[in-house]
Amino acid sequence: MAVTQEALPFLSEVESLPDLARILADKWPSKSSHVKEAIAYALAYSGDIEGANTQLEQLLEMLDKTVHWQREMAERATLLKTKLTNFHDAQQQLRIWEMESRSNLKLD
C-alpha cells in the first residue's frame, strides 16, 4: 500500500537523476542525512561533480561520527568525495554500492 500511495506518485515525477536530486531537495528538509546522501549520490552519478561535492561536504558536517551508522555514512561520503576527481571512478563506486544493495535486499 505504501508503494502505491507514496512511492509511485513520487517516482512518476522523476525522469532523470538531476530531477531526483531536485525533487528530494524540494520535498524533504535538508536536515535529513539520508536525503542529503541520496541527493549527493544522484548528482555524482549524473555527472554534477560540483553539486555532489557540495552535498557531500554538507553531509559530513551534519554527521555525528560517534554514532555507528553515521560514522559508516561518513566513511561512504568520504570515499565518494575522493573518487569525484575522476567521474568514472565515482560512477564505478556507486555501481558497486548499487550491486551490494540489490544483493542485500535480494533483488537479484
C-alpha atoms as a PDB file:
ATOM      1  CA  MET A   1       0.000   0.000   0.000  1.00  0.00           C
ATOM      2  CA  ALA A   2       2.835   2.404   0.824  1.00  0.00           C
ATOM      3  CA  VAL A   3       4.377   1.783  -2.583  1.00  0.00           C
ATOM      4  CA  THR A   4       1.103   2.608  -4.328  1.00  0.00           C
ATOM      5  CA  GLN A   5       0.269   5.651  -2.218  1.00  0.00           C
ATOM      6  CA  GLU A   6       3.702   7.183  -1.722  1.00  0.00           C
ATOM      7  CA  ALA A   7       6.415   5.710  -3.930  1.00  0.00           C
ATOM      8  CA  LEU A   8       4.614   5.606  -7.270  1.00  0.00           C
ATOM      9  CA  PRO A   9       3.399   9.227  -7.191  1.00  0.00           C
ATOM     10  CA  PHE A  10       6.892  10.340  -6.156  1.00  0.00           C
ATOM     11  CA  LEU A  11       8.624   8.256  -8.811  1.00  0.00           C
ATOM     12  CA  SER A  12       6.256   9.426 -11.543  1.00  0.00           C
ATOM     13  CA  GLU A  13       7.815  12.899 -11.206  1.00  0.00           C
ATOM     14  CA  VAL A  14      11.363  11.585 -11.639  1.00  0.00           C
ATOM     15  CA  GLU A  15      12.647  11.460 -15.192  1.00  0.00           C
ATOM     16  CA  SER A  16      16.375  11.781 -14.526  1.00  0.00           C
ATOM     17  CA  LEU A  17      18.892  11.770 -11.694  1.00  0.00           C
ATOM     18  CA  PRO A  18      19.061  15.579 -11.635  1.00  0.00           C
ATOM     19  CA  ASP A  19      15.233  15.517 -11.310  1.00  0.00           C
ATOM     20  CA  LEU A  20      15.566  13.127  -8.385  1.00  0.00           C
ATOM     21  CA  ALA A  21      18.069  15.411  -6.648  1.00  0.00           C
ATOM     22  CA  ARG A  22      15.868  18.467  -7.205  1.00  0.00           C
ATOM     23  CA  ILE A  23      12.679  16.746  -6.052  1.00  0.00           C
ATOM     24  CA  LEU A  24      14.350  15.341  -2.949  1.00  0.00           C
ATOM     25  CA  ALA A  25      15.720  18.776  -2.057  1.00  0.00           C
ATOM     26  CA  ASP A  26      12.294  20.369  -2.603  1.00  0.00           C
ATOM     27  CA  LYS A  27      10.185  17.787  -0.753  1.00  0.00           C
ATOM     28  CA  TRP A  28      12.300  16.906   2.266  1.00  0.00           C
ATOM     29  CA  PRO A  29      14.243  19.107   4.645  1.00  0.00           C
ATOM     30  CA  SER A  30      17.979  19.332   4.156  1.00  0.00           C
ATOM     31  CA  LYS A  31      18.386  18.379   7.809  1.00  0.00           C
ATOM     32  CA  SER A  32      17.979  14.702   6.877  1.00  0.00           C
ATOM     33  CA  SER A  33      21.315  12.976   6.357  1.00  0.00           C
ATOM     34  CA  HIS A  34      19.634  10.243   4.299  1.00  0.00           C
ATOM     35  CA  VAL A  35      18.131  12.794   1.915  1.00  0.00           C
ATOM     36  CA  LYS A  36      21.443  14.650   1.688  1.00  0.00           C
ATOM     37  CA  GLU A  37      23.215  11.371   0.873  1.00  0.00           C
ATOM     38  CA  ALA A  38      20.662  10.459  -1.821  1.00  0.00           C
ATOM     39  CA  ILE A  39      20.972  13.907  -3.404  1.00  0.00           C
ATOM     40  CA  ALA A  40      24.776  13.684  -3.410  1.00  0.00           C
ATOM     41  CA  TYR A  41      24.755  10.223  -4.979  1.00  0.00           C
ATOM     42  CA  ALA A  42      22.222  11.230  -7.652  1.00  0.00           C
ATOM     43  CA  LEU A  43      24.281  14.286  -8.553  1.00  0.00           C
ATOM     44  CA  ALA A  44      27.538  12.312  -8.609  1.00  0.00           C
ATOM     45  CA  TYR A  45      26.081   9.581 -10.804  1.00  0.00           C
ATOM     46  CA  SER A  46      24.651  12.121 -13.232  1.00  0.00           C
ATOM     47  CA  GLY A  47      27.994  13.928 -13.543  1.00  0.00           C
ATOM     48  CA  ASP A  48      27.313  17.044 -11.460  1.00  0.00           C
ATOM     49  CA  ILE A  49      30.605  16.737  -9.609  1.00  0.00           C
ATOM     50  CA  GLU A  50      30.490  20.222  -8.080  1.00  0.00           C
ATOM     51  CA  GLY A  51      26.946  19.731  -6.792  1.00  0.00           C
ATOM     52  CA  ALA A  52      27.766  16.263  -5.456  1.00  0.00           C
ATOM     53  CA  ASN A  53      30.866  17.556  -3.690  1.00  0.00           C
ATOM     54  CA  THR A  54      28.871  20.364  -2.057  1.00  0.00           C
ATOM     55  CA  GLN A  55      26.209  17.925  -0.853  1.00  0.00           C
ATOM     56  CA  LEU A  56      28.831  15.510   0.483  1.00  0.00           C
ATOM     57  CA  GLU A  57      30.582  18.319   2.371  1.00  0.00           C
ATOM     58  CA  GLN A  58      27.269  19.375   3.933  1.00  0.00           C
ATOM     59  CA  LEU A  59      26.507  15.750   4.779  1.00  0.00           C
ATOM     60  CA  LEU A  60      29.861  15.286   6.501  1.00  0.00           C
ATOM     61  CA  GLU A  61      29.296  18.440   8.562  1.00  0.00           C
ATOM     62  CA  MET A  62      25.942  17.201   9.858  1.00  0.00           C
ATOM     63  CA  LEU A  63      27.037  13.694  10.889  1.00  0.00           C
ATOM     64  CA  ASP A  64      27.980  12.639  14.414  1.00  0.00           C
ATOM     65  CA  LYS A  65      30.833  10.198  13.875  1.00  0.00           C
ATOM     66  CA  THR A  66      30.439   8.790  17.395  1.00  0.00           C
ATOM     67  CA  VAL A  67      27.165   7.191  16.238  1.00  0.00           C
ATOM     68  CA  HIS A  68      27.881   3.922  14.411  1.00  0.00           C
ATOM     69  CA  TRP A  69      25.517   4.323  11.435  1.00  0.00           C
ATOM     70  CA  GLN A  70      26.506   7.968  10.967  1.00  0.00           C
ATOM     71  CA  ARG A  71      30.191   7.038  11.041  1.00  0.00           C
ATOM     72  CA  GLU A  72      29.521   4.447   8.306  1.00  0.00           C
ATOM     73  CA  MET A  73      27.666   7.083   6.272  1.00  0.00           C
ATOM     74  CA  ALA A  74      30.606   9.480   6.744  1.00  0.00           C
ATOM     75  CA  GLU A  75      33.034   6.807   5.547  1.00  0.00           C
ATOM     76  CA  ARG A  76      30.972   6.282   2.382  1.00  0.00           C
ATOM     77  CA  ALA A  77      30.734  10.034   1.799  1.00  0.00           C
ATOM     78  CA  THR A  78      34.470  10.487   2.287  1.00  0.00           C
ATOM     79  CA  LEU A  79      35.241   7.623  -0.088  1.00  0.00           C
ATOM     80  CA  LEU A  80      32.954   9.035  -2.768  1.00  0.00           C
ATOM     81  CA  LYS A  81      34.453  12.529  -2.330  1.00  0.00           C
ATOM     82  CA  THR A  82      37.909  11.101  -3.070  1.00  0.00           C
ATOM     83  CA  LYS A  83      36.552   9.408  -6.193  1.00  0.00           C
ATOM     84  CA  LEU A  84      34.884  12.567  -7.528  1.00  0.00           C
ATOM     85  CA  THR A  85      38.175  13.682  -9.035  1.00  0.00           C
ATOM     86  CA  ASN A  86      37.545  11.024 -11.705  1.00  0.00           C
ATOM     87  CA  PHE A  87      33.926  10.795 -12.871  1.00  0.00           C
ATOM     88  CA  HIS A  88      34.297   7.176 -13.998  1.00  0.00           C
ATOM     89  CA  ASP A  89      35.742   6.130 -10.622  1.00  0.00           C
ATOM     90  CA  ALA A  90      32.816   7.795  -8.850  1.00  0.00           C
ATOM     91  CA  GLN A  91      30.300   6.063 -11.121  1.00  0.00           C
ATOM     92  CA  GLN A  92      32.032   2.729 -10.618  1.00  0.00           C
ATOM     93  CA  GLN A  93      31.880   3.116  -6.825  1.00  0.00           C
ATOM     94  CA  LEU A  94      28.179   3.960  -6.989  1.00  0.00           C
ATOM     95  CA  ARG A  95      27.570   0.885  -9.188  1.00  0.00           C
ATOM     96  CA  ILE A  96      29.394  -1.302  -6.657  1.00  0.00           C
ATOM     97  CA  TRP A  97      27.198   0.032  -3.853  1.00  0.00           C
ATOM     98  CA  GLU A  98      24.113  -0.476  -6.020  1.00  0.00           C
ATOM     99  CA  MET A  99      25.034  -4.124  -6.655  1.00  0.00           C
ATOM    100  CA  GLU A 100      25.701  -4.672  -2.943  1.00  0.00           C
ATOM    101  CA  SER A 101      22.338  -3.116  -2.045  1.00  0.00           C
ATOM    102  CA  ARG A 102      20.498  -5.210  -4.623  1.00  0.00           C
ATOM    103  CA  SER A 103      22.157  -8.328  -3.257  1.00  0.00           C
ATOM    104  CA  ASN A 104      21.440  -7.415   0.374  1.00  0.00           C
ATOM    105  CA  LEU A 105      17.806  -6.702  -0.485  1.00  0.00           C
ATOM    106  CA  LYS A 106      17.644  -9.933  -2.515  1.00  0.00           C
ATOM    107  CA  LEU A 107      16.537  -8.066  -5.633  1.00  0.00           C
ATOM    108  CA  ASP A 108      18.753 -10.104  -7.971  1.00  0.00           C
END
